[in-house]
């Protein structure tokens, strides 16, 4: 069964997926471990390598990257972003949050229960 991403209208919990990329699998795994072990994210998926084509600092480039996707709550985004920035191998990494508009109630409850500050 699918539910909206606000399964409890009283709590107003908003769920998000936060993505970034790194130059290596090991760097992506290290960021994922940091985020999940600190309970800033319920879980992470790493995919790659992927080819990236981009403009950065006024220059055109291509490269190979590993994509990291983290599931969490909006109220944890600022802290998660700060930790990612502190531990990321790049000085100016792309860190993007996208709202999860719908998901199974079990999945959304897993995100809530597995992240910092969740009431048991």
N, C-alpha and C. Protein backbone atom coordinates (compact mmCIF):
# COMPACT_ATOMS: atom_id res chain seq x y z
N UNK A 1 0.83 -1.17 0.00
CA UNK A 1 0.00 0.00 0.00
C UNK A 1 0.89 1.24 0.00
N UNK A 2 0.54 2.22 -0.81
CA UNK A 2 1.28 3.47 -0.87
C UNK A 2 0.56 4.52 -0.04
N UNK A 3 1.33 5.35 0.60
CA UNK A 3 0.75 6.43 1.38
C UNK A 3 1.48 7.71 1.02
N UNK A 4 0.92 8.84 1.40
CA UNK A 4 1.63 10.09 1.18
C UNK A 4 2.84 10.11 2.10
N UNK A 5 3.77 11.01 1.85
CA UNK A 5 4.97 11.08 2.66
C UNK A 5 4.71 11.76 4.01
N UNK A 6 3.48 12.09 4.28
CA UNK A 6 3.10 12.63 5.59
C UNK A 6 2.08 11.67 6.21
N UNK A 7 2.56 10.48 6.64
CA UNK A 7 1.62 9.48 7.12
C UNK A 7 0.91 9.90 8.40
N UNK A 8 1.53 10.76 9.19
CA UNK A 8 0.92 11.23 10.41
C UNK A 8 0.74 12.73 10.30
N UNK A 9 -0.46 13.16 9.98
CA UNK A 9 -0.73 14.58 9.77
C UNK A 9 -0.37 15.44 10.97
N UNK A 10 -0.42 14.87 12.16
CA UNK A 10 -0.08 15.63 13.35
C UNK A 10 1.41 15.87 13.46
N UNK A 11 2.23 14.89 13.09
CA UNK A 11 3.68 15.06 13.24
C UNK A 11 4.26 15.94 12.14
N UNK A 12 3.64 15.93 10.95
CA UNK A 12 4.15 16.74 9.85
C UNK A 12 5.51 16.29 9.36
N UNK A 13 5.87 15.05 9.58
CA UNK A 13 7.17 14.54 9.13
C UNK A 13 7.28 14.63 7.62
N UNK A 14 8.38 15.21 7.14
CA UNK A 14 8.66 15.30 5.71
C UNK A 14 9.89 14.44 5.46
N UNK A 15 9.80 13.52 4.51
CA UNK A 15 10.88 12.61 4.17
C UNK A 15 11.57 13.08 2.90
N UNK A 16 12.90 12.90 2.87
CA UNK A 16 13.69 13.35 1.71
C UNK A 16 14.72 12.32 1.32
N UNK A 17 15.20 12.44 0.09
CA UNK A 17 16.37 11.71 -0.37
C UNK A 17 17.45 12.75 -0.65
N UNK A 18 18.61 12.55 -0.07
CA UNK A 18 19.74 13.47 -0.24
C UNK A 18 20.77 12.76 -1.11
N UNK A 19 21.23 13.44 -2.16
CA UNK A 19 22.21 12.84 -3.06
C UNK A 19 23.47 13.69 -3.14
N UNK A 20 24.57 12.99 -3.38
CA UNK A 20 25.85 13.61 -3.68
C UNK A 20 26.62 12.60 -4.52
N UNK A 21 27.82 12.98 -4.93
CA UNK A 21 28.66 12.07 -5.72
C UNK A 21 30.10 12.24 -5.25
N UNK A 22 30.89 11.20 -5.46
CA UNK A 22 32.31 11.22 -5.12
C UNK A 22 33.10 10.63 -6.27
N UNK A 23 34.41 10.75 -6.19
CA UNK A 23 35.27 10.24 -7.26
C UNK A 23 35.58 8.76 -7.10
N UNK A 24 35.26 8.17 -5.94
CA UNK A 24 35.58 6.75 -5.74
C UNK A 24 34.50 6.05 -4.93
N UNK A 25 34.45 4.75 -5.10
CA UNK A 25 33.52 3.92 -4.33
C UNK A 25 33.84 4.03 -2.85
N UNK A 26 35.11 3.97 -2.49
CA UNK A 26 35.51 4.03 -1.09
C UNK A 26 35.07 5.33 -0.42
N UNK A 27 35.19 6.45 -1.12
CA UNK A 27 34.75 7.73 -0.57
C UNK A 27 33.24 7.75 -0.36
N UNK A 28 32.49 7.18 -1.30
CA UNK A 28 31.03 7.12 -1.17
C UNK A 28 30.64 6.23 0.01
N UNK A 29 31.30 5.10 0.16
CA UNK A 29 31.01 4.19 1.28
C UNK A 29 31.32 4.88 2.61
N UNK A 30 32.42 5.60 2.68
CA UNK A 30 32.78 6.30 3.92
C UNK A 30 31.73 7.34 4.29
N UNK A 31 31.24 8.10 3.32
CA UNK A 31 30.19 9.08 3.59
C UNK A 31 28.89 8.39 4.02
N UNK A 32 28.55 7.30 3.35
CA UNK A 32 27.34 6.56 3.70
C UNK A 32 27.43 6.01 5.12
N UNK A 33 28.56 5.41 5.47
CA UNK A 33 28.74 4.88 6.83
C UNK A 33 28.60 5.98 7.87
N UNK A 34 29.22 7.12 7.62
CA UNK A 34 29.16 8.24 8.56
C UNK A 34 27.71 8.68 8.77
N UNK A 35 26.96 8.82 7.69
CA UNK A 35 25.58 9.31 7.78
C UNK A 35 24.67 8.30 8.48
N UNK A 36 24.80 7.03 8.14
CA UNK A 36 23.91 6.02 8.72
C UNK A 36 24.31 5.70 10.16
N UNK A 37 25.61 5.56 10.44
CA UNK A 37 26.04 5.27 11.81
C UNK A 37 25.67 6.39 12.77
N UNK A 38 25.67 7.63 12.31
CA UNK A 38 25.30 8.76 13.16
C UNK A 38 23.79 8.97 13.20
N UNK A 39 23.04 8.12 12.50
CA UNK A 39 21.58 8.14 12.45
C UNK A 39 21.01 9.41 11.84
N UNK A 40 21.83 10.04 10.97
CA UNK A 40 21.33 11.17 10.19
C UNK A 40 20.62 10.69 8.95
N UNK A 41 20.78 9.43 8.60
CA UNK A 41 20.08 8.80 7.48
C UNK A 41 19.72 7.38 7.90
N UNK A 42 18.59 6.90 7.40
CA UNK A 42 18.16 5.54 7.71
C UNK A 42 18.93 4.52 6.89
N UNK A 43 19.30 4.89 5.68
CA UNK A 43 20.01 3.98 4.81
C UNK A 43 20.57 4.73 3.62
N UNK A 44 21.44 4.04 2.90
CA UNK A 44 22.10 4.65 1.75
C UNK A 44 22.25 3.63 0.64
N UNK A 45 22.25 4.12 -0.57
CA UNK A 45 22.56 3.30 -1.74
C UNK A 45 23.65 4.01 -2.52
N UNK A 46 24.59 3.21 -3.00
CA UNK A 46 25.70 3.73 -3.79
C UNK A 46 25.63 3.06 -5.15
N UNK A 47 25.65 3.88 -6.20
CA UNK A 47 25.65 3.35 -7.56
C UNK A 47 26.81 3.95 -8.33
N UNK A 48 27.31 3.17 -9.25
CA UNK A 48 28.41 3.67 -10.07
C UNK A 48 29.26 2.53 -10.58
N UNK A 49 30.26 2.86 -11.30
CA UNK A 49 30.57 4.23 -11.67
C UNK A 49 29.60 4.76 -12.73
N UNK A 50 29.43 6.07 -12.70
CA UNK A 50 28.58 6.75 -13.67
C UNK A 50 29.42 7.82 -14.36
N UNK A 51 29.12 8.07 -15.61
CA UNK A 51 29.81 9.12 -16.34
C UNK A 51 29.09 10.43 -16.06
N UNK A 52 29.84 11.45 -15.71
CA UNK A 52 29.29 12.76 -15.42
C UNK A 52 29.81 13.76 -16.46
N UNK A 53 28.93 14.59 -16.96
CA UNK A 53 29.27 15.65 -17.92
C UNK A 53 28.78 16.95 -17.29
N UNK A 54 29.64 17.97 -17.18
CA UNK A 54 29.28 19.12 -16.36
C UNK A 54 30.08 20.38 -16.73
N UNK A 55 29.55 21.50 -16.23
CA UNK A 55 30.28 22.76 -16.16
C UNK A 55 30.61 22.96 -14.69
N UNK A 56 31.87 23.30 -14.40
CA UNK A 56 32.27 23.55 -13.02
C UNK A 56 33.37 24.59 -13.01
N UNK A 57 33.15 25.64 -12.22
CA UNK A 57 34.12 26.73 -12.12
C UNK A 57 34.49 27.29 -13.49
N UNK A 58 33.47 27.38 -14.37
CA UNK A 58 33.67 27.97 -15.69
C UNK A 58 34.31 27.06 -16.71
N UNK A 59 34.52 25.79 -16.35
CA UNK A 59 35.15 24.86 -17.29
C UNK A 59 34.24 23.67 -17.55
N UNK A 60 34.27 23.19 -18.80
CA UNK A 60 33.53 22.00 -19.19
C UNK A 60 34.36 20.78 -18.81
N UNK A 61 33.68 19.75 -18.30
CA UNK A 61 34.42 18.55 -17.94
C UNK A 61 33.59 17.30 -18.01
N UNK A 62 34.27 16.18 -17.97
CA UNK A 62 33.64 14.87 -17.84
C UNK A 62 34.43 14.09 -16.81
N UNK A 63 33.78 13.11 -16.23
CA UNK A 63 34.48 12.30 -15.25
C UNK A 63 33.66 11.10 -14.85
N UNK A 64 34.26 10.28 -14.03
CA UNK A 64 33.60 9.10 -13.49
C UNK A 64 33.30 9.37 -12.02
N UNK A 65 32.06 9.12 -11.61
CA UNK A 65 31.64 9.38 -10.25
C UNK A 65 30.84 8.22 -9.69
N UNK A 66 30.75 8.19 -8.38
CA UNK A 66 29.91 7.24 -7.65
C UNK A 66 28.83 8.06 -6.96
N UNK A 67 27.56 7.70 -7.21
CA UNK A 67 26.41 8.44 -6.67
C UNK A 67 25.97 7.84 -5.35
N UNK A 68 25.75 8.70 -4.38
CA UNK A 68 25.30 8.30 -3.05
C UNK A 68 23.91 8.89 -2.82
N UNK A 69 22.95 8.04 -2.46
CA UNK A 69 21.59 8.48 -2.15
C UNK A 69 21.25 8.06 -0.73
N UNK A 70 20.83 9.02 0.08
CA UNK A 70 20.53 8.79 1.49
C UNK A 70 19.06 9.11 1.76
N UNK A 71 18.37 8.25 2.53
CA UNK A 71 16.99 8.52 2.91
C UNK A 71 16.96 9.02 4.34
N UNK A 72 16.24 10.15 4.55
CA UNK A 72 16.20 10.77 5.87
C UNK A 72 14.96 11.65 5.99
N UNK A 73 14.97 12.51 7.01
CA UNK A 73 13.87 13.45 7.24
C UNK A 73 14.36 14.87 6.99
N UNK A 74 13.47 15.73 6.57
CA UNK A 74 13.83 17.11 6.26
C UNK A 74 14.43 17.82 7.47
N UNK A 75 13.93 17.54 8.66
CA UNK A 75 14.45 18.23 9.84
C UNK A 75 15.90 17.86 10.15
N UNK A 76 16.44 16.82 9.54
CA UNK A 76 17.84 16.43 9.73
C UNK A 76 18.75 16.92 8.60
N UNK A 77 18.16 17.57 7.58
CA UNK A 77 18.95 17.93 6.40
C UNK A 77 20.13 18.84 6.72
N UNK A 78 19.93 19.90 7.47
CA UNK A 78 21.01 20.85 7.74
C UNK A 78 22.20 20.17 8.40
N UNK A 79 21.93 19.33 9.40
CA UNK A 79 23.01 18.62 10.08
C UNK A 79 23.69 17.62 9.16
N UNK A 80 22.89 16.89 8.37
CA UNK A 80 23.46 15.94 7.42
C UNK A 80 24.31 16.66 6.39
N UNK A 81 23.82 17.75 5.85
CA UNK A 81 24.57 18.51 4.86
C UNK A 81 25.90 18.98 5.45
N UNK A 82 25.88 19.48 6.67
CA UNK A 82 27.11 19.95 7.33
C UNK A 82 28.13 18.82 7.47
N UNK A 83 27.65 17.64 7.90
CA UNK A 83 28.55 16.48 8.06
C UNK A 83 29.09 16.02 6.71
N UNK A 84 28.24 16.02 5.69
CA UNK A 84 28.72 15.64 4.35
C UNK A 84 29.79 16.61 3.88
N UNK A 85 29.56 17.91 4.07
CA UNK A 85 30.54 18.92 3.66
C UNK A 85 31.86 18.74 4.41
N UNK A 86 31.80 18.46 5.70
CA UNK A 86 33.00 18.29 6.52
C UNK A 86 33.81 17.06 6.10
N UNK A 87 33.13 16.03 5.63
CA UNK A 87 33.80 14.76 5.34
C UNK A 87 33.96 14.46 3.86
N UNK A 88 33.43 15.30 3.01
CA UNK A 88 33.48 15.07 1.56
C UNK A 88 34.88 15.35 1.02
N UNK A 89 35.36 14.53 0.10
CA UNK A 89 36.69 14.77 -0.46
C UNK A 89 36.76 15.99 -1.37
N UNK A 90 35.63 16.51 -1.83
CA UNK A 90 35.62 17.68 -2.69
C UNK A 90 35.32 18.93 -1.88
N UNK A 91 35.86 20.06 -2.29
CA UNK A 91 35.63 21.33 -1.60
C UNK A 91 34.24 21.88 -1.84
N UNK A 92 33.68 21.62 -3.03
CA UNK A 92 32.39 22.19 -3.40
C UNK A 92 31.48 21.10 -3.97
N UNK A 93 31.10 20.10 -3.15
CA UNK A 93 30.29 19.00 -3.69
C UNK A 93 28.84 19.40 -3.92
N UNK A 94 28.23 18.74 -4.86
CA UNK A 94 26.79 18.89 -5.07
C UNK A 94 26.09 18.07 -4.01
N UNK A 95 25.24 18.71 -3.22
CA UNK A 95 24.42 18.02 -2.22
C UNK A 95 23.00 18.53 -2.44
N UNK A 96 22.11 17.61 -2.82
CA UNK A 96 20.74 17.99 -3.19
C UNK A 96 19.75 17.15 -2.38
N UNK A 97 18.68 17.79 -1.91
CA UNK A 97 17.61 17.09 -1.22
C UNK A 97 16.35 17.16 -2.07
N UNK A 98 15.71 16.02 -2.23
CA UNK A 98 14.46 15.92 -2.97
C UNK A 98 13.40 15.32 -2.06
N UNK A 99 12.25 15.95 -1.98
CA UNK A 99 11.20 15.44 -1.12
C UNK A 99 10.64 14.13 -1.66
N UNK A 100 10.41 13.19 -0.77
CA UNK A 100 9.74 11.94 -1.11
C UNK A 100 8.25 12.23 -1.00
N UNK A 101 7.56 12.23 -2.12
CA UNK A 101 6.14 12.59 -2.13
C UNK A 101 5.23 11.46 -1.68
N UNK A 102 5.66 10.23 -1.92
CA UNK A 102 4.84 9.08 -1.52
C UNK A 102 5.74 7.88 -1.34
N UNK A 103 5.30 6.95 -0.52
CA UNK A 103 6.03 5.71 -0.29
C UNK A 103 5.18 4.79 0.56
N UNK A 104 5.62 3.56 0.67
CA UNK A 104 4.86 2.64 1.51
C UNK A 104 4.96 3.10 2.95
N UNK A 105 3.90 2.90 3.70
CA UNK A 105 3.89 3.33 5.09
C UNK A 105 5.00 2.63 5.87
N UNK A 106 5.31 1.38 5.51
CA UNK A 106 6.38 0.65 6.19
C UNK A 106 7.75 1.28 5.92
N UNK A 107 7.98 1.69 4.70
CA UNK A 107 9.25 2.33 4.36
C UNK A 107 9.39 3.67 5.07
N UNK A 108 8.36 4.47 5.05
CA UNK A 108 8.42 5.78 5.70
C UNK A 108 8.60 5.63 7.20
N UNK A 109 7.95 4.64 7.79
CA UNK A 109 8.12 4.38 9.23
C UNK A 109 9.55 3.93 9.52
N UNK A 110 10.14 3.13 8.62
CA UNK A 110 11.54 2.71 8.78
C UNK A 110 12.46 3.92 8.78
N UNK A 111 12.25 4.86 7.87
CA UNK A 111 13.08 6.07 7.84
C UNK A 111 12.92 6.83 9.16
N UNK A 112 11.69 7.01 9.60
CA UNK A 112 11.45 7.74 10.84
C UNK A 112 12.11 7.06 12.03
N UNK A 113 11.89 5.76 12.16
CA UNK A 113 12.39 5.02 13.34
C UNK A 113 13.89 4.85 13.34
N UNK A 114 14.53 4.91 12.18
CA UNK A 114 15.96 4.63 12.08
C UNK A 114 16.84 5.88 12.15
N UNK A 115 16.21 7.05 12.23
CA UNK A 115 16.98 8.28 12.24
C UNK A 115 16.97 8.94 13.62
N UNK A 116 17.95 9.79 13.83
CA UNK A 116 18.16 10.47 15.10
C UNK A 116 16.92 11.22 15.56
N UNK A 117 16.64 11.12 16.86
CA UNK A 117 15.53 11.88 17.43
C UNK A 117 14.18 11.22 17.28
N UNK A 118 14.14 10.06 16.63
CA UNK A 118 12.86 9.37 16.45
C UNK A 118 12.40 8.81 17.79
N UNK A 119 11.10 8.93 18.01
CA UNK A 119 10.54 8.35 19.24
C UNK A 119 10.24 6.88 18.98
N UNK A 120 10.65 6.03 19.87
CA UNK A 120 10.42 4.58 19.69
C UNK A 120 9.01 4.19 20.02
